[in-house]
Protein backbone atom coordinates (compact mmCIF):
# COMPACT_ATOMS: atom_id res chain seq x y z
CA MET A 1 66.80 98.57 124.12
CA LYS A 2 66.46 96.10 126.76
CA SER A 3 69.39 94.42 126.98
CA SER A 4 68.89 90.19 126.91
CA LYS A 5 69.71 87.54 129.44
CA TRP A 6 73.41 87.39 129.96
CA THR A 7 74.69 84.39 128.89
CA HIS A 8 78.27 82.83 128.79
CA LEU A 9 79.40 84.31 125.32
CA HIS A 10 78.03 87.88 126.91
CA ALA A 11 80.78 86.96 129.40
CA GLN A 12 83.21 86.06 127.54
CA PHE A 13 83.37 89.18 125.01
CA HIS A 14 83.11 91.12 127.67
CA TYR A 15 86.18 89.61 129.16
CA LEU A 16 87.79 90.90 126.00
CA LEU A 17 87.35 93.60 125.95
CA ILE A 18 88.61 94.65 129.67
CA HIS A 19 91.94 92.29 129.00
CA ARG A 20 92.95 92.80 125.60
CA GLN A 21 91.60 97.27 126.48
CA LEU A 22 90.54 96.77 122.56
CA LEU A 23 87.12 99.62 122.46
CA PRO A 24 87.47 102.26 125.77
CA ARG A 25 84.34 103.48 126.95
CA ASN A 26 82.11 105.82 126.03
CA GLN A 27 83.36 106.13 122.64
CA ARG A 28 81.86 106.55 118.86
CA ILE A 29 81.72 103.10 117.55
CA LEU A 30 80.76 102.86 113.85
CA VAL A 31 79.59 98.87 113.50
CA ALA A 32 80.45 96.71 110.22
CA LEU A 33 77.01 94.97 109.82
CA SER A 34 76.79 92.45 107.03
CA GLY A 35 73.01 91.15 108.16
CA GLY A 36 75.64 87.22 108.34
CA GLN A 37 75.94 85.52 111.85
CA ASP A 38 79.50 86.85 112.94
CA SER A 39 78.24 90.22 112.14
CA LEU A 40 75.14 89.64 113.82
CA CYS A 41 76.08 88.34 116.79
CA LEU A 42 79.10 91.43 117.59
CA THR A 43 76.06 94.10 116.71
CA LYS A 44 73.89 91.94 119.65
CA LEU A 45 76.93 91.49 121.98
CA LEU A 46 77.43 95.38 121.74
CA LEU A 47 74.08 96.64 122.20
CA ASP A 48 73.43 94.63 125.31
CA LEU A 49 76.69 95.57 126.40
CA GLN A 50 75.86 99.14 125.95
CA PRO A 51 75.40 100.47 129.17
CA LYS A 52 77.99 99.04 130.56
CA TRP A 53 80.58 100.96 128.52
CA GLY A 54 78.66 103.77 127.47
CA TRP A 55 79.76 103.71 123.37
CA ASP A 56 77.62 105.69 120.80
CA LEU A 57 76.65 103.11 118.31
CA ALA A 58 76.34 102.74 114.59
CA ILE A 59 76.21 100.86 111.60
CA VAL A 60 77.35 100.85 108.32
CA HIS A 61 76.59 97.84 105.84
CA CYS A 62 78.73 97.70 102.71
CA ASP A 63 77.21 96.15 99.20
CA HIS A 64 79.46 95.37 96.61
CA ARG A 65 76.71 94.44 94.38
CA TRP A 66 77.45 91.27 93.64
CA ARG A 67 74.16 89.14 93.94
CA THR A 68 71.13 89.69 92.95
CA ASP A 69 69.88 89.59 96.65
CA SER A 70 72.23 92.51 97.57
CA LYS A 71 69.34 96.05 97.59
CA ALA A 72 67.09 93.38 99.65
CA ASN A 73 70.10 92.40 101.98
CA ALA A 74 71.41 96.53 102.45
CA ASP A 75 67.61 96.76 103.43
CA ARG A 76 66.93 94.39 106.02
CA VAL A 77 70.05 95.52 107.63
CA GLU A 78 68.77 99.00 107.51
CA GLU A 79 65.51 97.63 109.19
CA LEU A 80 67.67 96.43 112.05
CA ALA A 81 69.68 99.25 112.84
CA LEU A 82 66.04 101.49 112.74
CA ASN A 83 64.86 98.64 114.99
CA TRP A 84 67.39 99.14 117.03
CA GLN A 85 67.29 103.46 116.84
CA LEU A 86 70.62 103.22 115.98
CA PRO A 87 72.71 105.71 112.90
CA PHE A 88 72.37 103.48 109.16
CA TYR A 89 74.85 104.58 106.43
CA ARG A 90 74.50 102.81 103.55
CA GLN A 91 77.78 101.81 101.25
CA ILE A 92 77.02 101.07 97.56
CA ALA A 93 80.14 99.82 95.23
CA GLN A 94 79.60 101.93 92.04
CA GLU A 95 82.13 99.41 89.51
CA ILE A 96 80.81 95.37 91.12
CA PRO A 97 84.66 94.00 92.62
CA LYS A 98 86.28 91.77 90.49
CA THR A 99 88.30 89.32 92.83
CA GLU A 100 87.58 89.30 96.25
CA ALA A 101 90.85 90.92 97.28
CA THR A 102 89.49 93.81 94.97
CA ALA A 103 86.08 93.53 96.98
CA ARG A 104 88.56 93.83 100.32
CA GLN A 105 90.35 96.75 99.36
CA TRP A 106 87.05 98.50 98.61
CA ARG A 107 85.24 97.79 101.49
CA TYR A 108 87.89 98.49 103.84
CA GLN A 109 87.91 101.97 101.88
CA ALA A 110 84.24 102.60 102.28
CA LEU A 111 84.47 101.91 105.68
CA ALA A 112 87.11 104.31 107.21
CA GLU A 113 85.56 106.75 105.03
CA VAL A 114 82.68 106.91 106.68
CA ALA A 115 84.15 106.74 109.51
CA ILE A 116 86.70 110.01 109.27
CA ALA A 117 83.14 111.23 108.05
CA HIS A 118 80.87 110.95 110.29
CA ASN A 119 83.42 111.41 113.15
CA TYR A 120 83.50 107.33 114.70
CA PRO A 121 87.15 106.23 115.41
CA TYR A 122 86.34 103.22 115.67
CA ILE A 123 85.51 100.26 113.11
CA VAL A 124 84.42 96.85 114.24
CA THR A 125 84.37 93.71 112.58
CA GLY A 126 82.97 90.18 113.07
CA HIS A 127 86.31 88.31 112.11
CA THR A 128 86.25 85.48 114.14
CA ALA A 129 88.76 82.46 115.68
CA SER A 130 87.16 80.90 112.48
CA ASP A 131 87.86 83.39 110.01
CA ARG A 132 91.64 83.43 111.74
CA ALA A 133 91.80 79.55 111.12
CA GLU A 134 90.95 79.92 107.59
CA THR A 135 93.83 82.32 106.86
CA LEU A 136 96.58 81.15 108.70
CA LEU A 137 95.72 77.73 105.80
CA TYR A 138 95.30 80.21 103.79
CA ASN A 139 98.35 82.08 103.08
CA LEU A 140 100.30 78.87 104.69
CA LEU A 141 99.67 76.72 101.27
CA ARG A 142 100.92 80.18 99.84
CA GLY A 143 103.91 80.26 101.99
CA SER A 144 103.52 83.35 103.71
CA GLY A 145 106.09 83.73 106.48
CA ALA A 146 104.85 84.69 109.96
CA ASP A 147 103.56 88.31 108.94
CA GLY A 148 101.41 85.86 106.03
CA LEU A 149 100.25 83.53 108.96
CA SER A 150 98.38 85.48 112.04
CA ALA A 151 97.14 88.68 109.58
CA LEU A 152 94.29 89.06 111.03
CA THR A 153 95.26 91.45 114.12
CA TRP A 154 92.85 92.79 116.74
CA GLN A 155 93.12 96.10 115.66
CA ARG A 156 95.46 97.99 112.78
CA PRO A 157 94.76 101.14 111.37
CA LEU A 158 92.58 101.81 107.78
CA MET A 159 93.24 105.01 106.12
CA GLY A 160 90.54 107.29 105.16
CA SER A 161 91.26 106.96 101.03
CA GLY A 162 93.62 105.97 99.05
CA GLY A 163 92.29 101.71 100.51
CA SER A 164 94.46 100.75 104.43
CA LEU A 165 97.39 101.31 105.19
CA GLU A 166 98.99 97.55 104.33
CA GLN A 167 97.34 97.83 101.16
CA ARG A 168 99.43 100.93 99.94
CA GLY A 169 102.70 99.88 101.63
CA ARG A 170 102.29 95.91 102.05
CA GLY A 171 99.88 93.46 99.95
CA ALA A 172 96.95 91.62 100.84
CA GLU A 173 98.74 88.84 102.77
CA GLU A 174 94.96 87.34 104.19
CA ILE A 175 91.77 86.52 103.02
CA SER A 176 88.73 86.13 105.09
CA PRO A 177 84.55 87.21 105.25
CA SER A 178 84.88 90.70 105.41
CA SER A 179 89.44 91.32 106.33
CA ILE A 180 97.80 92.36 108.71
CA SER A 181 100.18 94.34 111.12
CA SER A 182 100.01 97.39 113.26
CA ALA A 183 102.34 100.19 111.42
CA PRO A 184 101.03 103.45 111.85
CA PRO A 185 99.21 105.43 109.60
CA LEU A 186 101.01 107.91 107.49
CA PRO A 187 102.01 111.36 108.23
CA HIS A 188 98.91 113.60 108.19
CA SER A 189 96.69 110.65 106.51
CA PRO A 190 93.18 110.59 108.43
CA SER A 191 92.34 107.31 109.96
CA ALA A 192 90.57 105.34 111.81
CA LEU A 193 91.30 102.09 113.87
CA LEU A 194 90.46 98.44 112.98
CA VAL A 195 88.96 96.68 116.16
CA ARG A 196 88.25 92.81 115.88
CA PRO A 197 86.71 92.20 119.21
CA MET A 198 86.04 88.34 118.35
CA LEU A 199 89.23 86.72 117.73
CA GLU A 200 88.70 84.51 120.09
CA ILE A 201 85.30 83.15 119.61
CA THR A 202 84.23 80.27 117.31
CA ARG A 203 81.97 81.09 114.09
CA THR A 204 80.04 77.76 116.03
CA GLN A 205 79.45 79.70 119.30
CA THR A 206 78.29 83.02 117.37
CA GLY A 207 75.73 79.87 115.20
CA ALA A 208 74.34 79.24 118.65
CA PHE A 209 73.73 83.05 120.09
CA CYS A 210 71.72 84.09 116.78
CA GLN A 211 70.09 80.88 117.72
CA GLU A 212 68.96 81.69 121.23
CA GLN A 213 68.44 85.69 119.91
CA ASN A 214 66.13 84.91 117.67
CA LEU A 215 68.41 86.75 115.32
CA PRO A 216 67.38 87.44 111.76
CA ILE A 217 70.28 85.79 109.59
CA TRP A 218 70.94 86.57 105.72
CA GLU A 219 72.24 83.37 104.26
CA ASP A 220 74.86 84.88 102.24
CA SER A 221 74.56 82.67 98.77
CA THR A 222 78.67 83.10 97.59
CA ASN A 223 79.77 81.58 101.47
CA GLN A 224 78.78 78.61 99.16
CA ASP A 225 80.75 79.33 95.97
CA LEU A 226 83.83 76.40 96.45
CA HIS A 227 84.95 78.67 93.60
CA TYR A 228 86.31 80.58 95.86
CA ALA A 229 89.61 79.76 98.13
CA ARG A 230 88.41 80.48 101.46
CA ASN A 231 84.72 78.92 101.15
CA ARG A 232 87.12 75.70 100.49
CA ILE A 233 88.74 75.51 103.34
CA ARG A 234 85.59 76.13 105.24
CA ALA A 235 83.33 73.86 103.90
CA GLU A 236 86.09 70.92 103.29
CA LEU A 237 89.38 71.00 104.29
CA LEU A 238 88.66 72.34 108.20
CA PRO A 239 85.48 69.71 108.62
CA TYR A 240 88.92 67.39 107.52
CA LEU A 241 91.17 68.48 109.88
CA GLN A 242 88.61 68.48 112.57
CA THR A 243 87.22 64.66 112.02
CA HIS A 244 91.22 63.96 110.73
CA PHE A 245 93.31 65.03 113.12
CA ASN A 246 91.79 67.62 115.88
CA PRO A 247 87.92 68.68 116.93
CA GLN A 248 89.79 71.57 118.04
CA ALA A 249 91.50 72.72 114.74
CA GLU A 250 90.28 76.14 114.21
CA GLN A 251 90.69 77.03 117.96
CA ALA A 252 94.34 75.80 117.74
CA LEU A 253 94.82 77.29 114.66
CA ALA A 254 93.78 80.45 115.65
CA GLN A 255 96.37 80.39 119.59
CA THR A 256 99.14 79.47 116.56
CA ALA A 257 98.21 82.72 114.42
CA GLU A 258 98.10 84.63 118.00
CA LEU A 259 101.49 83.10 118.97
CA LEU A 260 103.23 83.81 115.65
CA ARG A 261 101.84 88.04 115.97
CA ALA A 262 103.89 88.16 119.11
CA ASP A 263 107.05 86.89 116.77
CA ALA A 264 106.70 88.94 113.69
CA ASP A 265 105.63 92.26 116.07
CA TYR A 266 108.95 92.54 117.57
CA LEU A 267 110.72 90.77 114.72
CA GLU A 268 109.51 93.86 112.26
CA THR A 269 110.34 96.51 115.58
CA ALA A 270 113.57 94.68 115.59
CA ALA A 271 114.44 94.91 111.83
CA SER A 272 113.31 98.37 112.01
CA GLU A 273 116.00 99.86 114.14
CA LEU A 274 117.95 97.13 112.06
CA ARG A 275 117.08 99.30 108.90
CA LEU A 276 117.56 102.78 110.02
CA GLN A 277 120.80 101.89 111.33
CA ALA A 278 122.08 100.92 108.17
CA SER A 279 120.92 103.45 106.18
CA PHE A 280 122.41 106.07 104.61
CA SER A 281 121.67 109.60 103.09
CA PRO A 282 121.56 109.10 99.71
CA THR A 283 123.41 111.17 96.46
CA PRO A 284 120.29 112.75 94.25
CA GLU A 285 120.48 109.70 91.94
CA GLU A 286 119.80 107.56 94.75
CA LYS A 287 116.70 106.21 96.31
CA VAL A 288 118.58 104.36 99.37
CA ARG A 289 122.02 104.05 100.82
CA LEU A 290 122.71 101.16 102.62
CA ASP A 291 125.74 99.70 104.37
CA ARG A 292 126.53 96.60 103.64
CA ARG A 293 128.47 96.42 107.19
CA ILE A 294 126.24 96.90 109.38
CA LEU A 295 123.58 94.43 107.27
CA GLN A 296 125.98 91.39 107.89
CA LYS A 297 125.95 91.69 111.77
CA ALA A 298 122.13 90.85 111.73
CA SER A 299 121.05 87.85 111.73
CA LEU A 300 118.69 86.17 108.15
CA ALA A 301 115.59 86.87 109.62
CA LEU A 302 116.20 90.85 110.38
CA GLN A 303 118.06 91.28 107.19
CA ARG A 304 115.04 90.25 105.41
CA ARG A 305 112.99 92.18 107.53
CA ALA A 306 114.65 95.08 107.37
CA LEU A 307 115.67 94.66 102.87
CA ARG A 308 111.80 94.41 103.19
CA GLN A 309 111.05 97.57 104.74
CA VAL A 310 113.15 99.15 102.48
CA LEU A 311 111.50 97.84 99.20
CA GLN A 312 107.82 99.06 100.28
CA LEU A 313 109.24 102.50 100.12
CA ILE A 314 110.72 102.38 97.02
CA LEU A 315 108.72 99.67 95.31
CA PRO A 316 105.35 100.81 93.49
CA VAL A 317 103.55 96.87 94.51
CA ALA A 318 104.23 94.97 97.65
CA PRO A 319 107.70 93.01 97.65
CA SER A 320 107.73 89.78 96.75
CA PHE A 321 110.32 86.94 98.84
CA ALA A 322 112.50 86.96 95.20
CA HIS A 323 112.20 91.08 95.28
CA ILE A 324 113.79 90.89 99.09
CA GLU A 325 116.29 87.80 97.86
CA LYS A 326 117.62 89.40 95.20
CA ILE A 327 119.03 92.00 97.09
CA ARG A 328 119.84 90.25 100.30
CA ASP A 329 121.88 88.22 98.26
CA LEU A 330 124.37 91.87 97.76
CA ILE A 331 125.15 91.44 101.07
CA SER A 332 127.88 89.90 100.41
CA ALA A 333 128.08 89.93 96.74
CA PRO A 334 131.28 91.43 94.95
CA ASN A 335 132.25 94.38 94.34
CA ARG A 336 129.96 96.24 91.18
CA ALA A 337 127.79 93.24 91.05
CA GLN A 338 123.95 94.58 90.71
CA THR A 339 120.23 92.84 90.76
CA ASP A 340 117.88 93.22 87.30
CA PRO A 341 115.63 95.44 86.89
CA PHE A 342 113.31 95.43 90.73
CA PRO A 343 109.23 96.89 89.50
CA GLY A 344 109.56 100.53 88.33
CA GLY A 345 112.65 100.22 87.43
CA ALA A 346 114.78 100.46 90.57
CA ILE A 347 118.20 98.64 90.05
CA ALA A 348 120.15 97.60 93.56
CA THR A 349 124.31 98.49 92.82
CA VAL A 350 127.26 96.69 95.11
CA GLU A 351 129.89 100.02 95.62
CA GLY A 352 132.48 99.18 97.77
CA GLN A 353 130.41 98.95 101.31
CA TRP A 354 127.26 100.24 100.30
CA ILE A 355 124.45 98.86 98.44
CA LYS A 356 123.25 101.63 96.34
CA ILE A 357 119.34 101.31 94.98
CA LYS A 358 118.89 103.96 91.56
CA ASN A 359 116.67 104.86 88.68
């Protein structure tokens, strides 16, 4: 397919790929195309840059069956793939997701399964700086820490089954039209790398690009439903902030998320080192044994993160702030102090220098 005229957005996207080393040359890449303006813009940019990078592109579409026109939308995306002479994969939800979180979990699992089955090591999605700003605001209002405020990352692994690594271990800390840290995949779990190469590009830019390129945007009626928190943030909160506080609020919030992401990654690595230093081999009846003396010497931030990592390994649900504080209180508690049961029935007890977690 003949490339379009080189635009400023082409140049910006090309620079981002080089600067951040997101998508290597000559790789097989699966593009998640919903039919909306952001994913359409992404697909067209990748097509136009394909001669320079040598990619082998394919398109995947996830049909949640939420709307009466969802099949027609999927058919339209398939027609686009045919016109662009790209392989096309359609994933259809067997059960209609009842919540955004359920839909997101199914979507990422479906994307990973297609990528792994057809040997595409990279999956790209059309998340933008606007999505990053919305995610930060949503998680700020939920009381999230730095991880949640910077949840939309440039890349992260997706598991081939059972959902994403983060959904299995950390819980969903973000929202977005389609949606945590760059921890490595679990051993022996097949994975593909999810890449979001447009996190410095705004929705205004993608809309203008689609108009310039005469790309047929499929309007998703669910994006107008203010019952969903992300839609209310997009339609009401962000415009208010832009009008009354900062016209560049989206870019400013996205930049804040980027700064927080670097801080969170550094702290998570340091917390992992602390957790390993403080962890000792438990007895058969114990799940975990932690040395309180080592934890006492660490900063509050590292204590919380290290204990969260511990709880992620043993709890059947993502640990909450209350769970983390409950066990952190034992670092300086008197001997024989203990917690009430965690989800799943585990109890943490102080025995001398140790915090022991048992069923």
